[in-house]
Amino acid sequence: MAPFFYFQIVFACLQGYWWFDEVPTHESLFGGVLIVLAGALLMLQRAPAKSTATEQI
């Protein structure tokens, strides 16, 4: 759940760009992408496995 709190960093970069014409650095963009990918990998890893017909019998 914690990686989703880090989305605030991504939205803060976007708001800074829109409101204050602040261009995000390459490091902050790379960090934002890294955080999004880590959150997506956690969601995929913790997704419940699909049951097969043989397991239900």
Protein backbone atom coordinates (compact mmCIF):
# COMPACT_ATOMS: atom_id res chain seq x y z
CA MET A 1 0.00 0.00 0.00
CA ALA A 2 2.88 2.36 0.67
CA PRO A 3 3.95 2.75 -2.99
CA PHE A 4 0.61 4.36 -3.76
CA PHE A 5 1.30 7.13 -1.26
CA TYR A 6 4.36 7.98 -3.33
CA PHE A 7 2.10 8.94 -6.22
CA GLN A 8 1.95 12.30 -4.45
CA ILE A 9 5.46 12.93 -5.76
CA VAL A 10 4.32 12.38 -9.32
CA PHE A 11 1.30 14.64 -8.92
CA ALA A 12 3.40 17.30 -7.19
CA CYS A 13 5.72 17.36 -10.21
CA LEU A 14 2.75 17.73 -12.54
CA GLN A 15 1.17 20.48 -10.48
CA GLY A 16 4.48 22.32 -10.25
CA TYR A 17 4.74 22.20 -14.02
CA TRP A 18 1.17 23.37 -14.62
CA TRP A 19 0.96 26.07 -11.96
CA PHE A 20 4.50 27.37 -11.62
CA ASP A 21 6.09 26.43 -14.98
CA GLU A 22 8.64 24.35 -13.07
CA VAL A 23 10.21 21.74 -15.33
CA PRO A 24 10.81 18.44 -13.52
CA THR A 25 14.39 17.19 -13.59
CA HIS A 26 15.37 13.92 -15.21
CA GLU A 27 15.95 12.44 -11.77
CA SER A 28 12.43 13.23 -10.57
CA LEU A 29 10.90 11.85 -13.77
CA PHE A 30 12.97 8.68 -13.47
CA GLY A 31 11.97 8.34 -9.82
CA GLY A 32 8.30 8.76 -10.65
CA VAL A 33 8.47 6.10 -13.34
CA LEU A 34 10.29 3.79 -10.95
CA ILE A 35 7.62 4.29 -8.29
CA VAL A 36 4.78 3.64 -10.73
CA LEU A 37 6.43 0.47 -12.01
CA ALA A 38 7.11 -0.78 -8.50
CA GLY A 39 3.48 -0.25 -7.54
CA ALA A 40 2.27 -2.03 -10.66
CA LEU A 41 4.59 -4.97 -10.02
CA LEU A 42 3.33 -5.24 -6.45
CA MET A 43 -0.26 -5.30 -7.63
CA LEU A 44 0.47 -7.99 -10.20
CA GLN A 45 2.45 -10.06 -7.74
CA ARG A 46 -0.24 -9.97 -5.06
CA ALA A 47 -3.14 -10.63 -7.42
CA PRO A 48 -5.06 -13.80 -6.52
CA ALA A 49 -4.24 -16.75 -8.72
CA LYS A 50 -6.93 -17.96 -11.09
CA SER A 51 -8.30 -21.32 -10.12
CA THR A 52 -8.51 -24.11 -12.64
CA ALA A 53 -11.34 -26.60 -13.05
CA THR A 54 -9.30 -29.40 -11.44
CA GLU A 55 -8.74 -27.38 -8.27
CA GLN A 56 -12.47 -26.83 -7.75
CA ILE A 57 -13.35 -30.54 -7.67
